[in-house]
């Protein structure tokens, strides 16, 4: 869907879709980890880790809120130059950050 939204004009829907992907990805991974924690075979991995709390989700919440705020700012100001470039740089930085975080697992 992100690829189909790429065009000559920047559309803020791209930022909203990326935010929804972050929400979905975090929800799926949290659900998977919660189920995996219940399996006794995974005690080696989960034995020394506490269950996730709201504090663990603040990075994802911050990322999604930032994407939404950037999208709203672009919609309100109708800025098609500086703000979209900043939003895309931010989105790429976040994706790189997430890639390194997932490699740690």
PDB file of N, CA and C in Angstrom:
ATOM      1  N   UNK A   1       0.824  -1.192   0.000  1.00  0.00           N
ATOM      2  CA  UNK A   1       0.000   0.000   0.000  1.00  0.00           C
ATOM      3  C   UNK A   1       0.870   1.257   0.000  1.00  0.00           C
ATOM      4  N   UNK A   2       1.994   1.194   0.712  1.00  0.00           N
ATOM      5  CA  UNK A   2       2.866   2.370   0.726  1.00  0.00           C
ATOM      6  C   UNK A   2       3.389   2.700  -0.668  1.00  0.00           C
ATOM      7  N   UNK A   3       3.694   1.684  -1.436  1.00  0.00           N
ATOM      8  CA  UNK A   3       4.215   1.907  -2.785  1.00  0.00           C
ATOM      9  C   UNK A   3       3.146   2.520  -3.688  1.00  0.00           C
ATOM     10  N   UNK A   4       1.907   2.080  -3.546  1.00  0.00           N
ATOM     11  CA  UNK A   4       0.842   2.627  -4.395  1.00  0.00           C
ATOM     12  C   UNK A   4       0.545   4.093  -4.067  1.00  0.00           C
ATOM     13  N   UNK A   5       0.928   4.538  -2.889  1.00  0.00           N
ATOM     14  CA  UNK A   5       0.681   5.932  -2.497  1.00  0.00           C
ATOM     15  C   UNK A   5       1.779   6.884  -2.964  1.00  0.00           C
ATOM     16  N   UNK A   6       2.854   6.332  -3.521  1.00  0.00           N
ATOM     17  CA  UNK A   6       3.943   7.183  -4.005  1.00  0.00           C
ATOM     18  C   UNK A   6       3.551   7.771  -5.349  1.00  0.00           C
ATOM     19  N   UNK A   7       3.677   9.062  -5.457  1.00  0.00           N
ATOM     20  CA  UNK A   7       3.339   9.746  -6.711  1.00  0.00           C
ATOM     21  C   UNK A   7       4.103  11.046  -6.822  1.00  0.00           C
ATOM     22  N   UNK A   8       3.723  11.837  -7.797  1.00  0.00           N
ATOM     23  CA  UNK A   8       4.394  13.122  -7.991  1.00  0.00           C
ATOM     24  C   UNK A   8       4.126  14.074  -6.834  1.00  0.00           C
ATOM     25  N   UNK A   9       2.926  14.045  -6.291  1.00  0.00           N
ATOM     26  CA  UNK A   9       2.567  14.862  -5.127  1.00  0.00           C
ATOM     27  C   UNK A   9       2.642  13.994  -3.886  1.00  0.00           C
ATOM     28  N   UNK A  10       3.187  14.570  -2.819  1.00  0.00           N
ATOM     29  CA  UNK A  10       3.249  13.842  -1.558  1.00  0.00           C
ATOM     30  C   UNK A  10       1.860  13.777  -0.954  1.00  0.00           C
ATOM     31  N   UNK A  11       1.474  12.596  -0.505  1.00  0.00           N
ATOM     32  CA  UNK A  11       0.188  12.437   0.155  1.00  0.00           C
ATOM     33  C   UNK A  11       0.410  12.023   1.606  1.00  0.00           C
ATOM     34  N   UNK A  12      -0.280  12.685   2.516  1.00  0.00           N
ATOM     35  CA  UNK A  12      -0.108  12.385   3.933  1.00  0.00           C
ATOM     36  C   UNK A  12      -0.673  11.023   4.302  1.00  0.00           C
ATOM     37  N   UNK A  13      -1.486  10.470   3.432  1.00  0.00           N
ATOM     38  CA  UNK A  13      -2.001   9.126   3.691  1.00  0.00           C
ATOM     39  C   UNK A  13      -0.834   8.148   3.853  1.00  0.00           C
ATOM     40  N   UNK A  14       0.278   8.408   3.183  1.00  0.00           N
ATOM     41  CA  UNK A  14       1.463   7.566   3.292  1.00  0.00           C
ATOM     42  C   UNK A  14       1.942   7.517   4.739  1.00  0.00           C
ATOM     43  N   UNK A  15       1.963   8.668   5.416  1.00  0.00           N
ATOM     44  CA  UNK A  15       2.391   8.717   6.816  1.00  0.00           C
ATOM     45  C   UNK A  15       1.410   7.983   7.722  1.00  0.00           C
ATOM     46  N   UNK A  16       0.128   8.127   7.442  1.00  0.00           N
ATOM     47  CA  UNK A  16      -0.881   7.457   8.265  1.00  0.00           C
ATOM     48  C   UNK A  16      -0.813   5.937   8.083  1.00  0.00           C
ATOM     49  N   UNK A  17      -0.573   5.482   6.861  1.00  0.00           N
ATOM     50  CA  UNK A  17      -0.440   4.045   6.614  1.00  0.00           C
ATOM     51  C   UNK A  17       0.807   3.509   7.321  1.00  0.00           C
ATOM     52  N   UNK A  18       1.913   4.258   7.254  1.00  0.00           N
ATOM     53  CA  UNK A  18       3.128   3.829   7.945  1.00  0.00           C
ATOM     54  C   UNK A  18       2.886   3.744   9.449  1.00  0.00           C
ATOM     55  N   UNK A  19       2.162   4.711   9.995  1.00  0.00           N
ATOM     56  CA  UNK A  19       1.812   4.653  11.417  1.00  0.00           C
ATOM     57  C   UNK A  19       0.971   3.434  11.751  1.00  0.00           C
ATOM     58  N   UNK A  20       0.025   3.096  10.873  1.00  0.00           N
ATOM     59  CA  UNK A  20      -0.808   1.916  11.129  1.00  0.00           C
ATOM     60  C   UNK A  20       0.012   0.635  11.030  1.00  0.00           C
ATOM     61  N   UNK A  21       1.049   0.629  10.182  1.00  0.00           N
ATOM     62  CA  UNK A  21       1.934  -0.534  10.103  1.00  0.00           C
ATOM     63  C   UNK A  21       2.708  -0.691  11.411  1.00  0.00           C
ATOM     64  N   UNK A  22       3.177   0.404  11.982  1.00  0.00           N
ATOM     65  CA  UNK A  22       3.853   0.335  13.268  1.00  0.00           C
ATOM     66  C   UNK A  22       2.927  -0.177  14.366  1.00  0.00           C
ATOM     67  N   UNK A  23       1.694   0.300  14.367  1.00  0.00           N
ATOM     68  CA  UNK A  23       0.725  -0.171  15.362  1.00  0.00           C
ATOM     69  C   UNK A  23       0.479  -1.667  15.196  1.00  0.00           C
ATOM     70  N   UNK A  24       0.242  -2.090  13.973  1.00  0.00           N
ATOM     71  CA  UNK A  24      -0.021  -3.513  13.708  1.00  0.00           C
ATOM     72  C   UNK A  24       1.179  -4.374  14.068  1.00  0.00           C
ATOM     73  N   UNK A  25       2.364  -3.929  13.677  1.00  0.00           N
ATOM     74  CA  UNK A  25       3.568  -4.701  13.972  1.00  0.00           C
ATOM     75  C   UNK A  25       3.813  -4.855  15.459  1.00  0.00           C
ATOM     76  N   UNK A  26       3.618  -3.781  16.212  1.00  0.00           N
ATOM     77  CA  UNK A  26       3.797  -3.861  17.665  1.00  0.00           C
ATOM     78  C   UNK A  26       2.741  -4.734  18.317  1.00  0.00           C
ATOM     79  N   UNK A  27       1.522  -4.641  17.847  1.00  0.00           N
ATOM     80  CA  UNK A  27       0.450  -5.457  18.412  1.00  0.00           C
ATOM     81  C   UNK A  27       0.703  -6.947  18.152  1.00  0.00           C
ATOM     82  N   UNK A  28       1.085  -7.276  16.921  1.00  0.00           N
ATOM     83  CA  UNK A  28       1.344  -8.677  16.570  1.00  0.00           C
ATOM     84  C   UNK A  28       2.541  -9.214  17.344  1.00  0.00           C
ATOM     85  N   UNK A  29       3.625  -8.442  17.418  1.00  0.00           N
ATOM     86  CA  UNK A  29       4.798  -8.937  18.138  1.00  0.00           C
ATOM     87  C   UNK A  29       4.510  -9.082  19.629  1.00  0.00           C
ATOM     88  N   UNK A  30       3.777  -8.140  20.209  1.00  0.00           N
ATOM     89  CA  UNK A  30       3.438  -8.254  21.628  1.00  0.00           C
ATOM     90  C   UNK A  30       2.551  -9.480  21.876  1.00  0.00           C
ATOM     91  N   UNK A  31       1.579  -9.698  21.011  1.00  0.00           N
ATOM     92  CA  UNK A  31       0.712 -10.869  21.159  1.00  0.00           C
ATOM     93  C   UNK A  31       1.517 -12.162  21.028  1.00  0.00           C
ATOM     94  N   UNK A  32       2.444 -12.197  20.088  1.00  0.00           N
ATOM     95  CA  UNK A  32       3.274 -13.393  19.889  1.00  0.00           C
ATOM     96  C   UNK A  32       4.167 -13.646  21.097  1.00  0.00           C
ATOM     97  N   UNK A  33       4.800 -12.581  21.601  1.00  0.00           N
ATOM     98  CA  UNK A  33       5.662 -12.745  22.774  1.00  0.00           C
ATOM     99  C   UNK A  33       4.861 -13.155  24.006  1.00  0.00           C
ATOM    100  N   UNK A  34       3.661 -12.613  24.146  1.00  0.00           N
ATOM    101  CA  UNK A  34       2.834 -12.972  25.297  1.00  0.00           C
ATOM    102  C   UNK A  34       2.480 -14.460  25.255  1.00  0.00           C
ATOM    103  N   UNK A  35       2.134 -14.960  24.063  1.00  0.00           N
ATOM    104  CA  UNK A  35       1.832 -16.391  23.923  1.00  0.00           C
ATOM    105  C   UNK A  35       3.078 -17.249  24.106  1.00  0.00           C
ATOM    106  N   UNK A  36       4.201 -16.781  23.565  1.00  0.00           N
ATOM    107  CA  UNK A  36       5.443 -17.546  23.683  1.00  0.00           C
ATOM    108  C   UNK A  36       5.915 -17.621  25.123  1.00  0.00           C
ATOM    109  N   UNK A  37       5.622 -16.600  25.904  1.00  0.00           N
ATOM    110  CA  UNK A  37       6.018 -16.601  27.323  1.00  0.00           C
ATOM    111  C   UNK A  37       5.334 -17.731  28.098  1.00  0.00           C
ATOM    112  N   UNK A  38       4.152 -18.119  27.655  1.00  0.00           N
ATOM    113  CA  UNK A  38       3.397 -19.169  28.353  1.00  0.00           C
ATOM    114  C   UNK A  38       3.921 -20.574  28.055  1.00  0.00           C
ATOM    115  N   UNK A  39       4.721 -20.719  27.002  1.00  0.00           N
ATOM    116  CA  UNK A  39       5.258 -22.023  26.627  1.00  0.00           C
ATOM    117  C   UNK A  39       6.496 -22.323  27.482  1.00  0.00           C
ATOM    118  N   UNK A  40       6.499 -23.434  28.216  1.00  0.00           N
ATOM    119  CA  UNK A  40       7.638 -23.764  29.095  1.00  0.00           C
ATOM    120  C   UNK A  40       8.966 -23.919  28.344  1.00  0.00           C
ATOM    121  N   UNK A  41       8.911 -24.251  27.076  1.00  0.00           N
ATOM    122  CA  UNK A  41      10.144 -24.405  26.302  1.00  0.00           C
ATOM    123  C   UNK A  41      10.887 -23.082  26.114  1.00  0.00           C
ATOM    124  N   UNK A  42      10.212 -21.980  26.322  1.00  0.00           N
ATOM    125  CA  UNK A  42      10.819 -20.666  26.129  1.00  0.00           C
ATOM    126  C   UNK A  42      11.318 -20.029  27.418  1.00  0.00           C
ATOM    127  N   UNK A  43      11.383 -20.825  28.484  1.00  0.00           N
ATOM    128  CA  UNK A  43      11.815 -20.286  29.776  1.00  0.00           C
ATOM    129  C   UNK A  43      13.239 -19.731  29.732  1.00  0.00           C
ATOM    130  N   UNK A  44      14.099 -20.311  28.905  1.00  0.00           N
ATOM    131  CA  UNK A  44      15.470 -19.799  28.809  1.00  0.00           C
ATOM    132  C   UNK A  44      15.470 -18.347  28.330  1.00  0.00           C
ATOM    133  N   UNK A  45      14.604 -18.032  27.387  1.00  0.00           N
ATOM    134  CA  UNK A  45      14.552 -16.677  26.847  1.00  0.00           C
ATOM    135  C   UNK A  45      13.802 -15.733  27.773  1.00  0.00           C
ATOM    136  N   UNK A  46      12.639 -16.157  28.253  1.00  0.00           N
ATOM    137  CA  UNK A  46      11.782 -15.261  29.026  1.00  0.00           C
ATOM    138  C   UNK A  46      12.044 -15.308  30.529  1.00  0.00           C
ATOM    139  N   UNK A  47      12.864 -16.234  30.974  1.00  0.00           N
ATOM    140  CA  UNK A  47      13.099 -16.385  32.409  1.00  0.00           C
ATOM    141  C   UNK A  47      13.654 -15.143  33.072  1.00  0.00           C
ATOM    142  N   UNK A  48      14.536 -14.417  32.388  1.00  0.00           N
ATOM    143  CA  UNK A  48      15.143 -13.232  32.994  1.00  0.00           C
ATOM    144  C   UNK A  48      14.580 -11.927  32.427  1.00  0.00           C
ATOM    145  N   UNK A  49      13.429 -12.008  31.768  1.00  0.00           N
ATOM    146  CA  UNK A  49      12.796 -10.803  31.215  1.00  0.00           C
ATOM    147  C   UNK A  49      11.423 -10.609  31.868  1.00  0.00           C
ATOM    148  N   UNK A  50      11.175  -9.376  32.249  1.00  0.00           N
ATOM    149  CA  UNK A  50       9.864  -9.060  32.823  1.00  0.00           C
ATOM    150  C   UNK A  50       8.841  -8.909  31.706  1.00  0.00           C
ATOM    151  N   UNK A  51       7.566  -9.146  32.005  1.00  0.00           N
ATOM    152  CA  UNK A  51       6.520  -8.888  30.995  1.00  0.00           C
ATOM    153  C   UNK A  51       6.494  -7.404  30.623  1.00  0.00           C
ATOM    154  N   UNK A  52       6.050  -7.135  29.422  1.00  0.00           N
ATOM    155  CA  UNK A  52       6.004  -5.758  28.921  1.00  0.00           C
ATOM    156  C   UNK A  52       5.013  -4.919  29.720  1.00  0.00           C
ATOM    157  N   UNK A  53       5.393  -3.678  29.922  1.00  0.00           N
ATOM    158  CA  UNK A  53       4.512  -2.704  30.562  1.00  0.00           C
ATOM    159  C   UNK A  53       4.281  -1.555  29.578  1.00  0.00           C
ATOM    160  N   UNK A  54       3.459  -0.600  29.968  1.00  0.00           N
ATOM    161  CA  UNK A  54       3.194   0.551  29.101  1.00  0.00           C
ATOM    162  C   UNK A  54       4.479   1.293  28.770  1.00  0.00           C
ATOM    163  N   UNK A  55       5.420   1.314  29.687  1.00  0.00           N
ATOM    164  CA  UNK A  55       6.703   1.991  29.467  1.00  0.00           C
ATOM    165  C   UNK A  55       7.433   1.395  28.263  1.00  0.00           C
ATOM    166  N   UNK A  56       7.285   0.116  28.031  1.00  0.00           N
ATOM    167  CA  UNK A  56       7.940  -0.545  26.904  1.00  0.00           C
ATOM    168  C   UNK A  56       7.353  -0.124  25.557  1.00  0.00           C
ATOM    169  N   UNK A  57       6.143   0.399  25.565  1.00  0.00           N
ATOM    170  CA  UNK A  57       5.484   0.778  24.321  1.00  0.00           C
ATOM    171  C   UNK A  57       5.644   2.258  23.986  1.00  0.00           C
ATOM    172  N   UNK A  58       6.276   3.034  24.861  1.00  0.00           N
ATOM    173  CA  UNK A  58       6.414   4.466  24.599  1.00  0.00           C
ATOM    174  C   UNK A  58       7.176   4.780  23.316  1.00  0.00           C
ATOM    175  N   UNK A  59       8.242   4.045  22.965  1.00  0.00           N
ATOM    176  CA  UNK A  59       8.881   4.351  21.678  1.00  0.00           C
ATOM    177  C   UNK A  59       7.924   4.208  20.495  1.00  0.00           C
ATOM    178  N   UNK A  60       7.146   3.140  20.475  1.00  0.00           N
ATOM    179  CA  UNK A  60       6.194   2.926  19.374  1.00  0.00           C
ATOM    180  C   UNK A  60       5.095   3.983  19.397  1.00  0.00           C
ATOM    181  N   UNK A  61       4.606   4.312  20.567  1.00  0.00           N
ATOM    182  CA  UNK A  61       3.572   5.337  20.689  1.00  0.00           C
ATOM    183  C   UNK A  61       4.109   6.680  20.200  1.00  0.00           C
ATOM    184  N   UNK A  62       5.341   7.007  20.574  1.00  0.00           N
ATOM    185  CA  UNK A  62       5.956   8.260  20.152  1.00  0.00           C
ATOM    186  C   UNK A  62       6.127   8.314  18.639  1.00  0.00           C
ATOM    187  N   UNK A  63       6.563   7.210  18.046  1.00  0.00           N
ATOM    188  CA  UNK A  63       6.755   7.152  16.596  1.00  0.00           C
ATOM    189  C   UNK A  63       5.430   7.381  15.878  1.00  0.00           C
ATOM    190  N   UNK A  64       4.390   6.676  16.299  1.00  0.00           N
ATOM    191  CA  UNK A  64       3.091   6.796  15.636  1.00  0.00           C
ATOM    192  C   UNK A  64       2.529   8.200  15.816  1.00  0.00           C
ATOM    193  N   UNK A  65       2.604   8.743  17.020  1.00  0.00           N
ATOM    194  CA  UNK A  65       2.105  10.104  17.245  1.00  0.00           C
ATOM    195  C   UNK A  65       2.877  11.122  16.410  1.00  0.00           C
ATOM    196  N   UNK A  66       4.176  10.945  16.290  1.00  0.00           N
ATOM    197  CA  UNK A  66       4.976  11.866  15.478  1.00  0.00           C
ATOM    198  C   UNK A  66       4.574  11.799  14.015  1.00  0.00           C
ATOM    199  N   UNK A  67       4.363  10.587  13.504  1.00  0.00           N
ATOM    200  CA  UNK A  67       3.927  10.444  12.110  1.00  0.00           C
ATOM    201  C   UNK A  67       2.565  11.093  11.883  1.00  0.00           C
ATOM    202  N   UNK A  68       1.658  10.907  12.823  1.00  0.00           N
ATOM    203  CA  UNK A  68       0.325  11.493  12.695  1.00  0.00           C
ATOM    204  C   UNK A  68       0.397  13.017  12.786  1.00  0.00           C
ATOM    205  N   UNK A  69       1.178  13.536  13.713  1.00  0.00           N
ATOM    206  CA  UNK A  69       1.313  14.988  13.858  1.00  0.00           C
ATOM    207  C   UNK A  69       1.948  15.596  12.609  1.00  0.00           C
ATOM    208  N   UNK A  70       2.968  14.924  12.071  1.00  0.00           N
ATOM    209  CA  UNK A  70       3.583  15.423  10.833  1.00  0.00           C
ATOM    210  C   UNK A  70       2.560  15.426   9.696  1.00  0.00           C
ATOM    211  N   UNK A  71       1.768  14.363   9.600  1.00  0.00           N
ATOM    212  CA  UNK A  71       0.735  14.304   8.565  1.00  0.00           C
ATOM    213  C   UNK A  71      -0.296  15.405   8.724  1.00  0.00           C
ATOM    214  N   UNK A  72      -0.727  15.629   9.959  1.00  0.00           N
ATOM    215  CA  UNK A  72      -1.697  16.702  10.205  1.00  0.00           C
ATOM    216  C   UNK A  72      -1.096  18.072   9.910  1.00  0.00           C
ATOM    217  N   UNK A  73       0.169  18.274  10.272  1.00  0.00           N
ATOM    218  CA  UNK A  73       0.820  19.559   9.997  1.00  0.00           C
ATOM    219  C   UNK A  73       0.913  19.810   8.499  1.00  0.00           C
ATOM    220  N   UNK A  74       1.218  18.755   7.737  1.00  0.00           N
ATOM    221  CA  UNK A  74       1.290  18.907   6.282  1.00  0.00           C
ATOM    222  C   UNK A  74      -0.097  19.200   5.714  1.00  0.00           C
ATOM    223  N   UNK A  75      -1.122  18.491   6.229  1.00  0.00           N
ATOM    224  CA  UNK A  75      -2.490  18.736   5.758  1.00  0.00           C
ATOM    225  C   UNK A  75      -2.955  20.154   6.071  1.00  0.00           C
ATOM    226  N   UNK A  76      -2.659  20.627   7.267  1.00  0.00           N
ATOM    227  CA  UNK A  76      -3.127  21.957   7.689  1.00  0.00           C
ATOM    228  C   UNK A  76      -2.399  23.063   6.942  1.00  0.00           C
ATOM    229  N   UNK A  77      -1.067  22.942   6.826  1.00  0.00           N
ATOM    230  CA  UNK A  77      -0.290  24.008   6.202  1.00  0.00           C
ATOM    231  C   UNK A  77      -0.226  23.892   4.683  1.00  0.00           C
ATOM    232  N   UNK A  78      -0.616  22.746   4.151  1.00  0.00           N
ATOM    233  CA  UNK A  78      -0.522  22.475   2.713  1.00  0.00           C
ATOM    234  C   UNK A  78       0.915  22.632   2.197  1.00  0.00           C
ATOM    235  N   UNK A  79       1.869  22.430   3.093  1.00  0.00           N
ATOM    236  CA  UNK A  79       3.279  22.515   2.736  1.00  0.00           C
ATOM    237  C   UNK A  79       3.665  21.258   1.969  1.00  0.00           C
ATOM    238  N   UNK A  80       4.152  21.427   0.756  1.00  0.00           N
ATOM    239  CA  UNK A  80       4.541  20.281  -0.074  1.00  0.00           C
ATOM    240  C   UNK A  80       6.048  20.242  -0.319  1.00  0.00           C
ATOM    241  N   UNK A  81       6.825  20.960   0.502  1.00  0.00           N
ATOM    242  CA  UNK A  81       8.275  20.937   0.298  1.00  0.00           C
ATOM    243  C   UNK A  81       9.015  20.497   1.550  1.00  0.00           C
ATOM    244  N   UNK A  82       9.161  21.384   2.514  1.00  0.00           N
ATOM    245  CA  UNK A  82       9.994  21.114   3.675  1.00  0.00           C
ATOM    246  C   UNK A  82       9.413  20.047   4.599  1.00  0.00           C
ATOM    247  N   UNK A  83       8.175  20.162   4.980  1.00  0.00           N
ATOM    248  CA  UNK A  83       7.587  19.205   5.928  1.00  0.00           C
ATOM    249  C   UNK A  83       7.555  17.772   5.391  1.00  0.00           C
ATOM    250  N   UNK A  84       7.176  17.535   4.147  1.00  0.00           N
ATOM    251  CA  UNK A  84       7.230  16.154   3.645  1.00  0.00           C
ATOM    252  C   UNK A  84       8.645  15.572   3.641  1.00  0.00           C
ATOM    253  N   UNK A  85       9.637  16.412   3.319  1.00  0.00           N
ATOM    254  CA  UNK A  85      11.027  15.929   3.338  1.00  0.00           C
ATOM    255  C   UNK A  85      11.427  15.563   4.765  1.00  0.00           C
ATOM    256  N   UNK A  86      11.084  16.420   5.721  1.00  0.00           N
ATOM    257  CA  UNK A  86      11.379  16.112   7.124  1.00  0.00           C
ATOM    258  C   UNK A  86      10.656  14.844   7.573  1.00  0.00           C
ATOM    259  N   UNK A  87       9.406  14.678   7.163  1.00  0.00           N
ATOM    260  CA  UNK A  87       8.647  13.490   7.524  1.00  0.00           C
ATOM    261  C   UNK A  87       9.277  12.235   6.943  1.00  0.00           C
ATOM    262  N   UNK A  88       9.734  12.299   5.710  1.00  0.00           N
ATOM    263  CA  UNK A  88      10.370  11.134   5.084  1.00  0.00           C
ATOM    264  C   UNK A  88      11.715  10.813   5.721  1.00  0.00           C
ATOM    265  N   UNK A  89      12.476  11.835   6.076  1.00  0.00           N
ATOM    266  CA  UNK A  89      13.743  11.602   6.779  1.00  0.00           C
ATOM    267  C   UNK A  89      13.471  10.949   8.129  1.00  0.00           C
ATOM    268  N   UNK A  90      12.473  11.456   8.835  1.00  0.00           N
ATOM    269  CA  UNK A  90      12.096  10.871  10.124  1.00  0.00           C
ATOM    270  C   UNK A  90      11.652   9.418   9.953  1.00  0.00           C
ATOM    271  N   UNK A  91      10.822   9.157   8.966  1.00  0.00           N
ATOM    272  CA  UNK A  91      10.339   7.794   8.737  1.00  0.00           C
ATOM    273  C   UNK A  91      11.490   6.846   8.434  1.00  0.00           C
ATOM    274  N   UNK A  92      12.438   7.276   7.615  1.00  0.00           N
ATOM    275  CA  UNK A  92      13.594   6.436   7.310  1.00  0.00           C
ATOM    276  C   UNK A  92      14.466   6.213   8.536  1.00  0.00           C
ATOM    277  N   UNK A  93      14.660   7.241   9.337  1.00  0.00           N
ATOM    278  CA  UNK A  93      15.451   7.092  10.565  1.00  0.00           C
ATOM    279  C   UNK A  93      14.796   6.100  11.513  1.00  0.00           C
ATOM    280  N   UNK A  94      13.490   6.176  11.632  1.00  0.00           N
ATOM    281  CA  UNK A  94      12.763   5.261  12.507  1.00  0.00           C
ATOM    282  C   UNK A  94      12.858   3.828  11.984  1.00  0.00           C
ATOM    283  N   UNK A  95      12.740   3.643  10.679  1.00  0.00           N
ATOM    284  CA  UNK A  95      12.843   2.303  10.106  1.00  0.00           C
ATOM    285  C   UNK A  95      14.241   1.711  10.311  1.00  0.00           C
ATOM    286  N   UNK A  96      15.266   2.538  10.169  1.00  0.00           N
ATOM    287  CA  UNK A  96      16.635   2.070  10.424  1.00  0.00           C
ATOM    288  C   UNK A  96      16.800   1.705  11.894  1.00  0.00           C
ATOM    289  N   UNK A  97      16.277   2.548  12.782  1.00  0.00           N
ATOM    290  CA  UNK A  97      16.325   2.272  14.215  1.00  0.00           C
ATOM    291  C   UNK A  97      15.631   0.945  14.533  1.00  0.00           C
ATOM    292  N   UNK A  98      14.458   0.726  13.962  1.00  0.00           N
ATOM    293  CA  UNK A  98      13.716  -0.512  14.202  1.00  0.00           C
ATOM    294  C   UNK A  98      14.485  -1.729  13.682  1.00  0.00           C
ATOM    295  N   UNK A  99      15.145  -1.582  12.550  1.00  0.00           N
ATOM    296  CA  UNK A  99      15.933  -2.681  11.995  1.00  0.00           C
ATOM    297  C   UNK A  99      17.042  -3.090  12.962  1.00  0.00           C
ATOM    298  N   UNK A 100      17.745  -2.116  13.519  1.00  0.00           N
ATOM    299  CA  UNK A 100      18.800  -2.438  14.486  1.00  0.00           C
ATOM    300  C   UNK A 100      18.234  -3.022  15.767  1.00  0.00           C
ATOM    301  N   UNK A 101      17.088  -2.535  16.218  1.00  0.00           N
ATOM    302  CA  UNK A 101      16.457  -3.099  17.416  1.00  0.00           C
ATOM    303  C   UNK A 101      16.062  -4.554  17.212  1.00  0.00           C
ATOM    304  N   UNK A 102      15.495  -4.894  16.053  1.00  0.00           N
ATOM    305  CA  UNK A 102      15.102  -6.251  15.793  1.00  0.00           C
ATOM    306  C   UNK A 102      16.302  -7.183  15.652  1.00  0.00           C
ATOM    307  N   UNK A 103      17.407  -6.654  15.182  1.00  0.00           N
ATOM    308  CA  UNK A 103      18.619  -7.476  15.066  1.00  0.00           C
ATOM    309  C   UNK A 103      19.121  -7.883  16.437  1.00  0.00           C
ATOM    310  N   UNK A 104      18.856  -7.086  17.466  1.00  0.00           N
ATOM    311  CA  UNK A 104      19.303  -7.417  18.824  1.00  0.00           C
ATOM    312  C   UNK A 104      18.566  -8.654  19.349  1.00  0.00           C
ATOM    313  N   UNK A 105      17.360  -8.897  18.859  1.00  0.00           N
ATOM    314  CA  UNK A 105      16.616 -10.076  19.309  1.00  0.00           C
ATOM    315  C   UNK A 105      17.189 -11.329  18.675  1.00  0.00           C
TER     316      UNK A 105
END
